C-alpha atoms as a PDB file:
ATOM      1  CA  MET A   1     111.335  81.560 108.231  1.00  0.00           C
ATOM      2  CA  PRO A   2     108.230  79.453 108.370  1.00  0.00           C
ATOM      3  CA  ASN A   3     105.813  78.468 105.604  1.00  0.00           C
ATOM      4  CA  LEU A   4     102.201  79.478 106.052  1.00  0.00           C
ATOM      5  CA  LEU A   5      99.776  76.949 104.567  1.00  0.00           C
ATOM      6  CA  LEU A   6      96.888  79.111 103.505  1.00  0.00           C
ATOM      7  CA  THR A   7      94.731  76.178 102.343  1.00  0.00           C
ATOM      8  CA  ASN A   8      94.909  72.486 101.617  1.00  0.00           C
ATOM      9  CA  ILE A   9      92.899  72.928  98.299  1.00  0.00           C
ATOM     10  CA  CYS A  10      94.867  72.453  95.091  1.00  0.00           C
ATOM     11  CA  ASN A  11      93.828  72.310  91.455  1.00  0.00           C
ATOM     12  CA  ARG A  12      96.815  70.158  90.397  1.00  0.00           C
ATOM     13  CA  ASN A  13      97.860  66.572  91.117  1.00  0.00           C
ATOM     14  CA  CYS A  14     101.648  66.618  90.988  1.00  0.00           C
ATOM     15  CA  PRO A  15     102.940  62.989  91.569  1.00  0.00           C
ATOM     16  CA  TYR A  16     105.743  64.145  93.960  1.00  0.00           C
ATOM     17  CA  CYS A  17     103.587  66.679  95.874  1.00  0.00           C
ATOM     18  CA  PHE A  18     105.306  67.772  99.107  1.00  0.00           C
ATOM     19  CA  ALA A  19     102.046  68.765 100.626  1.00  0.00           C
ATOM     20  CA  LEU A  20     100.377  65.410 100.001  1.00  0.00           C
ATOM     21  CA  ALA A  21      99.936  64.630 103.705  1.00  0.00           C
ATOM     22  CA  GLN A  22      98.035  67.847 104.165  1.00  0.00           C
ATOM     23  CA  ILE A  23      96.015  67.650 101.046  1.00  0.00           C
ATOM     24  CA  GLU A  24      94.921  64.046 101.640  1.00  0.00           C
ATOM     25  CA  ALA A  25      95.196  63.133 105.283  1.00  0.00           C
ATOM     26  CA  GLY A  26      96.929  65.542 107.510  1.00  0.00           C
ATOM     27  CA  THR A  27      94.146  67.744 108.662  1.00  0.00           C
ATOM     28  CA  THR A  28      91.085  67.446 110.866  1.00  0.00           C
ATOM     29  CA  ARG A  29      88.895  69.016 108.128  1.00  0.00           C
ATOM     30  CA  ALA A  30      88.428  67.893 104.588  1.00  0.00           C
ATOM     31  CA  ASN A  31      89.016  71.362 103.140  1.00  0.00           C
ATOM     32  CA  TRP A  32      90.258  74.328 105.192  1.00  0.00           C
ATOM     33  CA  GLU A  33      91.494  77.823 104.918  1.00  0.00           C
ATOM     34  CA  MET A  34      93.783  79.720 107.310  1.00  0.00           C
ATOM     35  CA  SER A  35      91.813  82.394 109.054  1.00  0.00           C
ATOM     36  CA  TRP A  36      92.987  85.953 109.401  1.00  0.00           C
ATOM     37  CA  GLU A  37      93.114  85.549 113.147  1.00  0.00           C
ATOM     38  CA  GLU A  38      95.465  82.545 112.717  1.00  0.00           C
ATOM     39  CA  LEU A  39      97.585  84.486 110.326  1.00  0.00           C
ATOM     40  CA  GLU A  40      97.856  87.502 112.690  1.00  0.00           C
ATOM     41  CA  THR A  41      99.062  85.173 115.479  1.00  0.00           C
ATOM     42  CA  ILE A  42     101.734  83.803 113.196  1.00  0.00           C
ATOM     43  CA  LEU A  43     102.889  87.288 112.216  1.00  0.00           C
ATOM     44  CA  SER A  44     103.318  88.188 115.903  1.00  0.00           C
ATOM     45  CA  TYR A  45     106.241  85.756 115.896  1.00  0.00           C
ATOM     46  CA  LEU A  46     107.855  87.603 112.984  1.00  0.00           C
ATOM     47  CA  ASN A  47     109.589  90.961 112.550  1.00  0.00           C
ATOM     48  CA  PRO A  48     108.236  93.392 109.916  1.00  0.00           C
ATOM     49  CA  HIS A  49     110.637  94.594 107.320  1.00  0.00           C
ATOM     50  CA  VAL A  50     112.986  91.712 108.182  1.00  0.00           C
ATOM     51  CA  ASP A  51     111.222  88.296 108.224  1.00  0.00           C
ATOM     52  CA  VAL A  52     109.818  86.995 104.968  1.00  0.00           C
ATOM     53  CA  VAL A  53     106.266  85.623 105.043  1.00  0.00           C
ATOM     54  CA  SER A  54     106.126  82.524 102.796  1.00  0.00           C
ATOM     55  CA  LEU A  55     102.636  81.618 101.557  1.00  0.00           C
ATOM     56  CA  LEU A  56     101.997  78.028 100.411  1.00  0.00           C
ATOM     57  CA  GLY A  57      99.188  75.532 100.171  1.00  0.00           C
ATOM     58  CA  GLY A  58      97.754  73.425  98.581  1.00  0.00           C
ATOM     59  CA  GLU A  59      97.666  76.237  96.094  1.00  0.00           C
ATOM     60  CA  PRO A  60      97.769  79.464  98.064  1.00  0.00           C
ATOM     61  CA  THR A  61      96.020  81.581  95.359  1.00  0.00           C
ATOM     62  CA  LEU A  62      92.892  79.404  95.834  1.00  0.00           C
ATOM     63  CA  HIS A  63      92.291  80.911  99.293  1.00  0.00           C
ATOM     64  CA  SER A  64      89.054  82.825  99.012  1.00  0.00           C
ATOM     65  CA  LYS A  65      90.798  85.997 100.394  1.00  0.00           C
ATOM     66  CA  PHE A  66      94.127  85.505  98.755  1.00  0.00           C
ATOM     67  CA  LYS A  67      94.454  89.124  97.463  1.00  0.00           C
ATOM     68  CA  GLU A  68      93.281  90.607 100.760  1.00  0.00           C
ATOM     69  CA  ILE A  69      95.846  88.493 102.717  1.00  0.00           C
ATOM     70  CA  VAL A  70      98.693  89.588 100.440  1.00  0.00           C
ATOM     71  CA  THR A  71      97.586  93.232 100.690  1.00  0.00           C
ATOM     72  CA  GLN A  72      97.269  93.230 104.467  1.00  0.00           C
ATOM     73  CA  VAL A  73     100.498  91.369 105.141  1.00  0.00           C
ATOM     74  CA  SER A  74     102.289  93.786 102.741  1.00  0.00           C
ATOM     75  CA  ASN A  75     100.750  96.787 104.514  1.00  0.00           C
ATOM     76  CA  LYS A  76     102.133  95.586 107.786  1.00  0.00           C
ATOM     77  CA  GLY A  77     105.672  95.751 106.290  1.00  0.00           C
ATOM     78  CA  TYR A  78     106.414  92.060 105.699  1.00  0.00           C
ATOM     79  CA  PRO A  79     108.274  90.973 102.587  1.00  0.00           C
ATOM     80  CA  ILE A  80     106.317  88.104 100.947  1.00  0.00           C
ATOM     81  CA  LYS A  81     107.231  84.969  99.022  1.00  0.00           C
ATOM     82  CA  ILE A  82     104.523  83.154  97.207  1.00  0.00           C
ATOM     83  CA  PHE A  83     104.889  79.493  96.145  1.00  0.00           C
ATOM     84  CA  THR A  84     102.337  78.799  93.375  1.00  0.00           C
ATOM     85  CA  ASN A  85     101.666  76.533  90.396  1.00  0.00           C
ATOM     86  CA  GLY A  86     100.743  79.642  88.428  1.00  0.00           C
ATOM     87  CA  THR A  87      97.552  78.282  86.885  1.00  0.00           C
ATOM     88  CA  THR A  88      94.986  80.512  88.507  1.00  0.00           C
ATOM     89  CA  ALA A  89      93.739  83.906  87.562  1.00  0.00           C
ATOM     90  CA  SER A  90      93.919  84.962  91.260  1.00  0.00           C
ATOM     91  CA  LEU A  91      97.613  85.317  90.951  1.00  0.00           C
ATOM     92  CA  ARG A  92      97.417  88.299  88.591  1.00  0.00           C
ATOM     93  CA  GLY A  93      95.149  90.054  91.148  1.00  0.00           C
ATOM     94  CA  ILE A  94      98.274  90.976  93.231  1.00  0.00           C
ATOM     95  CA  HIS A  95      99.753  92.939  90.270  1.00  0.00           C
ATOM     96  CA  GLY A  96     100.786  96.341  91.578  1.00  0.00           C
ATOM     97  CA  ILE A  97     100.926  95.388  95.356  1.00  0.00           C
ATOM     98  CA  ALA A  98     104.364  96.202  96.583  1.00  0.00           C
ATOM     99  CA  PRO A  99     106.126  94.681  93.596  1.00  0.00           C
ATOM    100  CA  HIS A 100     109.616  95.165  95.100  1.00  0.00           C
ATOM    101  CA  ASP A 101     108.601  93.294  98.286  1.00  0.00           C
ATOM    102  CA  ILE A 102     106.759  90.342  96.823  1.00  0.00           C
ATOM    103  CA  ARG A 103     108.614  87.381  95.183  1.00  0.00           C
ATOM    104  CA  ILE A 104     106.831  84.621  93.315  1.00  0.00           C
ATOM    105  CA  ILE A 105     108.231  81.127  93.046  1.00  0.00           C
ATOM    106  CA  LEU A 106     106.333  79.448  90.277  1.00  0.00           C
ATOM    107  CA  ASN A 107     106.712  75.709  90.090  1.00  0.00           C
ATOM    108  CA  LEU A 108     106.670  74.583  86.446  1.00  0.00           C
ATOM    109  CA  ASN A 109     106.212  71.020  85.416  1.00  0.00           C
ATOM    110  CA  MET A 110     106.484  69.494  81.945  1.00  0.00           C
ATOM    111  CA  PRO A 111     104.148  71.389  79.525  1.00  0.00           C
ATOM    112  CA  ASP A 112     102.331  68.124  78.572  1.00  0.00           C
ATOM    113  CA  THR A 113     101.023  67.847  82.184  1.00  0.00           C
ATOM    114  CA  TYR A 114      98.802  70.972  81.618  1.00  0.00           C
ATOM    115  CA  ASN A 115      95.744  71.522  79.584  1.00  0.00           C
ATOM    116  CA  VAL A 116      95.664  74.436  77.084  1.00  0.00           C
ATOM    117  CA  LYS A 117      93.764  76.768  79.514  1.00  0.00           C
ATOM    118  CA  GLU A 118      96.260  76.108  82.381  1.00  0.00           C
ATOM    119  CA  TRP A 119      99.337  76.706  80.246  1.00  0.00           C
ATOM    120  CA  LYS A 120      97.741  79.873  78.785  1.00  0.00           C
ATOM    121  CA  GLN A 121      97.086  81.151  82.357  1.00  0.00           C
ATOM    122  CA  ILE A 122     100.618  80.462  83.359  1.00  0.00           C
ATOM    123  CA  GLU A 123     101.851  82.434  80.412  1.00  0.00           C
ATOM    124  CA  THR A 124      99.538  85.350  81.186  1.00  0.00           C
ATOM    125  CA  ASN A 125     100.560  85.488  84.786  1.00  0.00           C
ATOM    126  CA  CYS A 126     104.265  85.351  83.842  1.00  0.00           C
ATOM    127  CA  MET A 127     104.016  88.017  81.302  1.00  0.00           C
ATOM    128  CA  LEU A 128     102.187  90.281  83.796  1.00  0.00           C
ATOM    129  CA  LEU A 129     104.427  89.548  86.778  1.00  0.00           C
ATOM    130  CA  LYS A 130     107.670  88.662  85.072  1.00  0.00           C
ATOM    131  CA  ASP A 131     109.794  91.036  87.231  1.00  0.00           C
ATOM    132  CA  GLN A 132     108.670  89.125  90.378  1.00  0.00           C
ATOM    133  CA  ILE A 133     108.636  85.527  89.134  1.00  0.00           C
ATOM    134  CA  ALA A 134     111.436  82.980  89.398  1.00  0.00           C
ATOM    135  CA  LEU A 135     110.704  79.383  88.260  1.00  0.00           C
ATOM    136  CA  SER A 136     111.029  76.255  90.380  1.00  0.00           C
ATOM    137  CA  PHE A 137     111.812  72.851  89.242  1.00  0.00           C
ATOM    138  CA  ASN A 138     111.356  69.579  91.225  1.00  0.00           C
ATOM    139  CA  ILE A 139     113.317  66.439  90.353  1.00  0.00           C
ATOM    140  CA  TYR A 140     111.517  63.228  90.989  1.00  0.00           C
ATOM    141  CA  LYS A 141     113.039  61.043  88.285  1.00  0.00           C
ATOM    142  CA  PRO A 142     116.593  60.840  86.932  1.00  0.00           C
ATOM    143  CA  ASP A 143     115.876  61.377  83.238  1.00  0.00           C
ATOM    144  CA  PHE A 144     114.355  64.896  83.684  1.00  0.00           C
ATOM    145  CA  SER A 145     114.252  67.458  80.947  1.00  0.00           C
ATOM    146  CA  TRP A 146     114.693  71.258  81.323  1.00  0.00           C
ATOM    147  CA  GLU A 147     114.568  72.708  77.836  1.00  0.00           C
ATOM    148  CA  TYR A 148     111.051  73.986  78.472  1.00  0.00           C
ATOM    149  CA  ILE A 149     112.354  75.770  81.623  1.00  0.00           C
ATOM    150  CA  LYS A 150     114.953  77.619  79.590  1.00  0.00           C
ATOM    151  CA  GLU A 151     112.444  78.472  76.917  1.00  0.00           C
ATOM    152  CA  ALA A 152     109.987  79.816  79.428  1.00  0.00           C
ATOM    153  CA  ILE A 153     112.577  82.068  81.135  1.00  0.00           C
ATOM    154  CA  LEU A 154     113.820  83.505  77.886  1.00  0.00           C
ATOM    155  CA  GLN A 155     110.501  83.799  76.159  1.00  0.00           C
ATOM    156  CA  TRP A 156     108.596  85.330  79.107  1.00  0.00           C
ATOM    157  CA  GLU A 157     111.628  87.316  80.304  1.00  0.00           C
ATOM    158  CA  LEU A 158     111.541  85.944  83.842  1.00  0.00           C
ATOM    159  CA  LYS A 159     114.240  86.159  86.535  1.00  0.00           C
ATOM    160  CA  ARG A 160     117.285  84.247  85.407  1.00  0.00           C
ATOM    161  CA  SER A 161     117.357  81.844  88.376  1.00  0.00           C
ATOM    162  CA  VAL A 162     115.775  78.538  88.990  1.00  0.00           C
ATOM    163  CA  ARG A 163     114.994  76.972  92.419  1.00  0.00           C
ATOM    164  CA  ILE A 164     115.897  73.238  92.307  1.00  0.00           C
ATOM    165  CA  GLY A 165     114.278  70.851  94.634  1.00  0.00           C
ATOM    166  CA  ILE A 166     114.588  67.074  95.059  1.00  0.00           C
ATOM    167  CA  ALA A 167     111.310  65.235  95.711  1.00  0.00           C
ATOM    168  CA  GLN A 168     111.594  63.535  99.089  1.00  0.00           C
ATOM    169  CA  PRO A 169     109.632  60.679 100.547  1.00  0.00           C
ATOM    170  CA  ILE A 170     106.693  61.390 102.810  1.00  0.00           C
ATOM    171  CA  LYS A 171     106.425  58.540 105.336  1.00  0.00           C
ATOM    172  CA  GLY A 172     103.134  56.793 105.061  1.00  0.00           C
ATOM    173  CA  MET A 173     102.247  58.410 101.723  1.00  0.00           C
ATOM    174  CA  ASN A 174     102.764  57.196  98.107  1.00  0.00           C
ATOM    175  CA  ASN A 175     104.219  60.371  96.589  1.00  0.00           C
ATOM    176  CA  ALA A 176     106.859  59.955  93.766  1.00  0.00           C
ATOM    177  CA  TYR A 177     110.335  60.815  94.837  1.00  0.00           C
ATOM    178  CA  LEU A 178     113.914  60.326  93.586  1.00  0.00           C
ATOM    179  CA  GLN A 179     115.097  56.912  94.701  1.00  0.00           C
ATOM    180  CA  GLU A 180     118.438  56.493  96.384  1.00  0.00           C
ATOM    181  CA  LYS A 181     119.925  54.710  93.419  1.00  0.00           C
ATOM    182  CA  ASP A 182     118.929  57.538  91.170  1.00  0.00           C
ATOM    183  CA  LEU A 183     120.476  60.375  93.204  1.00  0.00           C
ATOM    184  CA  GLN A 184     123.914  60.277  91.613  1.00  0.00           C
ATOM    185  CA  PRO A 185     122.642  59.961  87.956  1.00  0.00           C
ATOM    186  CA  ALA A 186     120.245  62.808  88.630  1.00  0.00           C
ATOM    187  CA  SER A 187     122.962  64.935  90.166  1.00  0.00           C
ATOM    188  CA  SER A 188     125.245  64.418  87.136  1.00  0.00           C
ATOM    189  CA  ARG A 189     122.359  65.392  84.892  1.00  0.00           C
ATOM    190  CA  LEU A 190     121.797  68.505  87.067  1.00  0.00           C
ATOM    191  CA  VAL A 191     125.401  69.517  86.277  1.00  0.00           C
ATOM    192  CA  THR A 192     124.708  69.364  82.589  1.00  0.00           C
ATOM    193  CA  MET A 193     121.599  71.398  83.133  1.00  0.00           C
ATOM    194  CA  ALA A 194     123.600  74.089  84.981  1.00  0.00           C
ATOM    195  CA  GLU A 195     126.137  74.276  82.158  1.00  0.00           C
ATOM    196  CA  ASP A 196     123.466  74.589  79.601  1.00  0.00           C
ATOM    197  CA  LEU A 197     121.531  77.313  81.478  1.00  0.00           C
ATOM    198  CA  ALA A 198     124.639  79.211  82.415  1.00  0.00           C
ATOM    199  CA  ILE A 199     125.266  79.945  78.669  1.00  0.00           C
ATOM    200  CA  HIS A 200     122.061  82.179  78.975  1.00  0.00           C
ATOM    201  CA  GLY A 201     123.034  83.639  82.312  1.00  0.00           C
ATOM    202  CA  ILE A 202     120.539  81.431  84.218  1.00  0.00           C
ATOM    203  CA  THR A 203     121.742  80.130  87.557  1.00  0.00           C
ATOM    204  CA  LEU A 204     120.457  77.361  89.826  1.00  0.00           C
ATOM    205  CA  GLY A 205     119.713  77.523  93.561  1.00  0.00           C
ATOM    206  CA  PHE A 206     119.488  74.373  95.673  1.00  0.00           C
ATOM    207  CA  ASP A 207     116.573  73.849  97.988  1.00  0.00           C
ATOM    208  CA  CYS A 208     117.136  71.801 101.112  1.00  0.00           C
ATOM    209  CA  GLY A 209     117.772  68.008 101.132  1.00  0.00           C
ATOM    210  CA  PHE A 210     120.621  67.713  98.699  1.00  0.00           C
ATOM    211  CA  ARG A 211     123.598  65.581  99.764  1.00  0.00           C
ATOM    212  CA  ALA A 212     127.148  66.658  98.777  1.00  0.00           C
ATOM    213  CA  CYS A 213     128.364  63.145  98.109  1.00  0.00           C
ATOM    214  CA  THR A 214     125.976  62.697  95.234  1.00  0.00           C
ATOM    215  CA  PHE A 215     128.308  64.982  93.185  1.00  0.00           C
ATOM    216  CA  THR A 216     131.893  64.405  92.397  1.00  0.00           C
ATOM    217  CA  LYS A 217     134.493  67.071  93.333  1.00  0.00           C
ATOM    218  CA  GLU A 218     134.746  67.933  89.590  1.00  0.00           C
ATOM    219  CA  GLU A 219     131.002  68.275  89.377  1.00  0.00           C
ATOM    220  CA  LEU A 220     130.872  70.580  92.362  1.00  0.00           C
ATOM    221  CA  GLY A 221     133.531  72.689  90.711  1.00  0.00           C
ATOM    222  CA  ILE A 222     131.571  73.009  87.517  1.00  0.00           C
ATOM    223  CA  LEU A 223     128.395  73.930  89.427  1.00  0.00           C
ATOM    224  CA  ALA A 224     130.387  76.655  91.216  1.00  0.00           C
ATOM    225  CA  GLU A 225     131.635  78.020  87.970  1.00  0.00           C
ATOM    226  CA  CYS A 226     128.030  78.126  86.733  1.00  0.00           C
ATOM    227  CA  GLY A 227     127.049  80.309  89.667  1.00  0.00           C
ATOM    228  CA  THR A 228     125.046  77.616  91.472  1.00  0.00           C
ATOM    229  CA  HIS A 229     123.896  78.511  95.030  1.00  0.00           C
ATOM    230  CA  PHE A 230     124.638  75.350  97.068  1.00  0.00           C
ATOM    231  CA  LEU A 231     122.620  74.029 100.004  1.00  0.00           C
ATOM    232  CA  PHE A 232     123.363  70.839 101.667  1.00  0.00           C
ATOM    233  CA  ALA A 233     121.464  71.531 104.852  1.00  0.00           C
ATOM    234  CA  CYS A 234     118.435  69.784 106.336  1.00  0.00           C
ATOM    235  CA  LYS A 235     117.017  71.921 109.163  1.00  0.00           C
ATOM    236  CA  PRO A 236     113.494  72.565 110.474  1.00  0.00           C
ATOM    237  CA  VAL A 237     111.669  74.911 108.036  1.00  0.00           C
ATOM    238  CA  LEU A 238     108.407  74.884 110.011  1.00  0.00           C
ATOM    239  CA  ASP A 239     105.182  74.545 108.097  1.00  0.00           C
ATOM    240  CA  ILE A 240     102.213  76.031 109.885  1.00  0.00           C
ATOM    241  CA  GLY A 241      98.760  74.922 108.975  1.00  0.00           C
ATOM    242  CA  PRO A 242      95.156  74.918 110.346  1.00  0.00           C
ATOM    243  CA  GLN A 243      94.649  75.673 114.045  1.00  0.00           C
ATOM    244  CA  LEU A 244      98.301  76.710 114.149  1.00  0.00           C
ATOM    245  CA  MET A 245      99.497  73.168 113.917  1.00  0.00           C
ATOM    246  CA  THR A 246     103.227  73.229 113.173  1.00  0.00           C
ATOM    247  CA  TRP A 247     105.452  70.554 111.611  1.00  0.00           C
ATOM    248  CA  ARG A 248     109.150  70.345 111.046  1.00  0.00           C
ATOM    249  CA  CYS A 249     108.573  70.403 107.346  1.00  0.00           C
ATOM    250  CA  PHE A 250     106.204  68.969 104.749  1.00  0.00           C
ATOM    251  CA  PRO A 251     107.673  65.334 104.725  1.00  0.00           C
ATOM    252  CA  PHE A 252     106.737  65.136 108.448  1.00  0.00           C
ATOM    253  CA  SER A 253     103.251  66.575 108.267  1.00  0.00           C
ATOM    254  CA  VAL A 254     101.656  63.188 108.197  1.00  0.00           C
ATOM    255  CA  GLY A 255     102.842  62.731 111.821  1.00  0.00           C
ATOM    256  CA  PRO A 256     101.878  64.681 114.918  1.00  0.00           C
ATOM    257  CA  GLY A 257     102.933  68.305 115.043  1.00  0.00           C
ATOM    258  CA  VAL A 258     102.930  70.867 117.788  1.00  0.00           C
ATOM    259  CA  THR A 259     100.819  73.901 118.402  1.00  0.00           C
ATOM    260  CA  LEU A 260     102.607  77.197 117.673  1.00  0.00           C
ATOM    261  CA  THR A 261     101.235  78.994 120.646  1.00  0.00           C
ATOM    262  CA  ASP A 262     102.740  76.408 123.077  1.00  0.00           C
ATOM    263  CA  PHE A 263     106.094  78.036 122.263  1.00  0.00           C
ATOM    264  CA  SER A 264     107.333  81.559 122.947  1.00  0.00           C
ATOM    265  CA  SER A 265     109.290  81.930 119.641  1.00  0.00           C
ATOM    266  CA  LEU A 266     109.965  80.193 116.314  1.00  0.00           C
ATOM    267  CA  LYS A 267     113.599  79.482 117.454  1.00  0.00           C
ATOM    268  CA  GLU A 268     112.064  77.492 120.326  1.00  0.00           C
ATOM    269  CA  VAL A 269     110.031  75.454 117.881  1.00  0.00           C
ATOM    270  CA  GLU A 270     113.026  74.859 115.720  1.00  0.00           C
ATOM    271  CA  ARG A 271     115.090  73.785 118.660  1.00  0.00           C
ATOM    272  CA  TYR A 272     112.373  71.344 119.745  1.00  0.00           C
ATOM    273  CA  PHE A 273     112.323  69.629 116.392  1.00  0.00           C
ATOM    274  CA  THR A 274     116.130  69.644 116.084  1.00  0.00           C
ATOM    275  CA  GLU A 275     116.624  68.009 119.350  1.00  0.00           C
ATOM    276  CA  LYS A 276     113.751  65.515 118.964  1.00  0.00           C
ATOM    277  CA  TRP A 277     115.351  63.750 116.015  1.00  0.00           C
ATOM    278  CA  ALA A 278     119.038  64.643 116.514  1.00  0.00           C
ATOM    279  CA  SER A 279     120.044  61.013 117.102  1.00  0.00           C
ATOM    280  CA  ILE A 280     118.789  59.875 113.716  1.00  0.00           C
ATOM    281  CA  GLN A 281     119.860  62.968 111.770  1.00  0.00           C
ATOM    282  CA  LYS A 282     123.544  62.625 112.870  1.00  0.00           C
ATOM    283  CA  LYS A 283     123.575  59.212 111.097  1.00  0.00           C
ATOM    284  CA  GLY A 284     122.677  60.727 107.765  1.00  0.00           C
ATOM    285  CA  ASN A 285     121.068  58.947 104.780  1.00  0.00           C
ATOM    286  CA  THR A 286     123.910  56.389 104.282  1.00  0.00           C
ATOM    287  CA  ASP A 287     126.151  54.290 106.398  1.00  0.00           C
ATOM    288  CA  GLU A 288     129.072  56.406 105.229  1.00  0.00           C
ATOM    289  CA  CYS A 289     127.585  59.745 106.453  1.00  0.00           C
ATOM    290  CA  GLY A 290     128.694  59.257 110.061  1.00  0.00           C
ATOM    291  CA  GLU A 291     132.359  59.296 109.121  1.00  0.00           C
ATOM    292  CA  CYS A 292     132.053  61.956 106.349  1.00  0.00           C
ATOM    293  CA  ARG A 293     134.175  65.037 106.708  1.00  0.00           C
ATOM    294  CA  ASN A 294     131.351  67.207 105.361  1.00  0.00           C
ATOM    295  CA  MET A 295     129.040  65.971 108.123  1.00  0.00           C
ATOM    296  CA  GLN A 296     131.715  66.552 110.827  1.00  0.00           C
ATOM    297  CA  ILE A 297     132.270  70.186 109.703  1.00  0.00           C
ATOM    298  CA  ALA A 298     128.525  70.689 109.197  1.00  0.00           C
ATOM    299  CA  SER A 299     128.837  71.640 105.507  1.00  0.00           C
ATOM    300  CA  CYS A 300     126.420  68.851 104.806  1.00  0.00           C
ATOM    301  CA  ASN A 301     123.658  67.365 107.019  1.00  0.00           C
ATOM    302  CA  GLY A 302     123.665  63.948 105.241  1.00  0.00           C
ATOM    303  CA  GLY A 303     120.625  64.579 103.154  1.00  0.00           C
ATOM    304  CA  CYS A 304     116.952  64.937 103.900  1.00  0.00           C
ATOM    305  CA  LEU A 305     115.954  63.634 107.287  1.00  0.00           C
ATOM    306  CA  SER A 306     112.870  61.999 105.771  1.00  0.00           C
ATOM    307  CA  ARG A 307     115.044  59.559 103.874  1.00  0.00           C
ATOM    308  CA  SER A 308     116.743  58.496 107.147  1.00  0.00           C
ATOM    309  CA  PHE A 309     113.294  57.787 108.524  1.00  0.00           C
ATOM    310  CA  ILE A 310     112.254  55.715 105.490  1.00  0.00           C
ATOM    311  CA  LYS A 311     115.341  53.416 105.712  1.00  0.00           C
ATOM    312  CA  THR A 312     114.825  52.786 109.499  1.00  0.00           C
ATOM    313  CA  SER A 313     111.902  51.881 111.801  1.00  0.00           C
ATOM    314  CA  PHE A 314     112.358  55.048 113.725  1.00  0.00           C
ATOM    315  CA  GLN A 315     108.964  56.463 114.694  1.00  0.00           C
ATOM    316  CA  MET A 316     107.998  60.082 114.155  1.00  0.00           C
END
């Protein structure tokens, strides 16, 4: 299901920011908010009670009508997933709104990257909405730490699962991301993290862009024993922003997108982006990907497509 970019405004400055192209350069307006009319158009492509409405930004809770949007979308019968940094008081405003149908993915960086007020707000939001919150953790350097993630989950009694993402390059931008040479060391460290968290019943769930070959067979076995939810796919996610401009996913939002209303369905948009770059995706991130058994049986897509663009002169 697509991601709805409610605004390009954000109160943080994460070095790996996936939305950097939108926040800095990808829009026709300096600051923008998605209108209710635009939102209703997007909802017309989705099925109530079935399709999840994912709200992102920027920081989605900074939309001036955030609570109203969540309320109205929920009243229309759509399950909601909110991706947030958790530092705003606006988040707690949704307390009590369809708690069983609203999931919150709270991205938590190292504690020393927040000021006292921000960390206190995160704690307040987590304590209030703990039954709905799962933490998210983005890897952009190989020597990452996770002790604070474990402590937050146990102390604030959050859901015992962590979304794991790998920071990917955005062509034309200078965001921090995990370099190719660091993928295997970071993957091995991730296995250690999974083993440590599994002791406390905490499981990991991969986001898109992982590559199976960065783990050994033994490491994959350990991850499976720890209850890890694998994902070695790289497929169009669809990020929809101002004026219904739609991109394959965040790493591609610095380039030209398409207008949602030029297509009759989301499947049609996904097919467009899949076919547009099929020739480069089938090569994968490395020279070995083309002959890889995992690629041939489609259990792995060869890593994030944006990495394939970075290593070639292929134009978006």
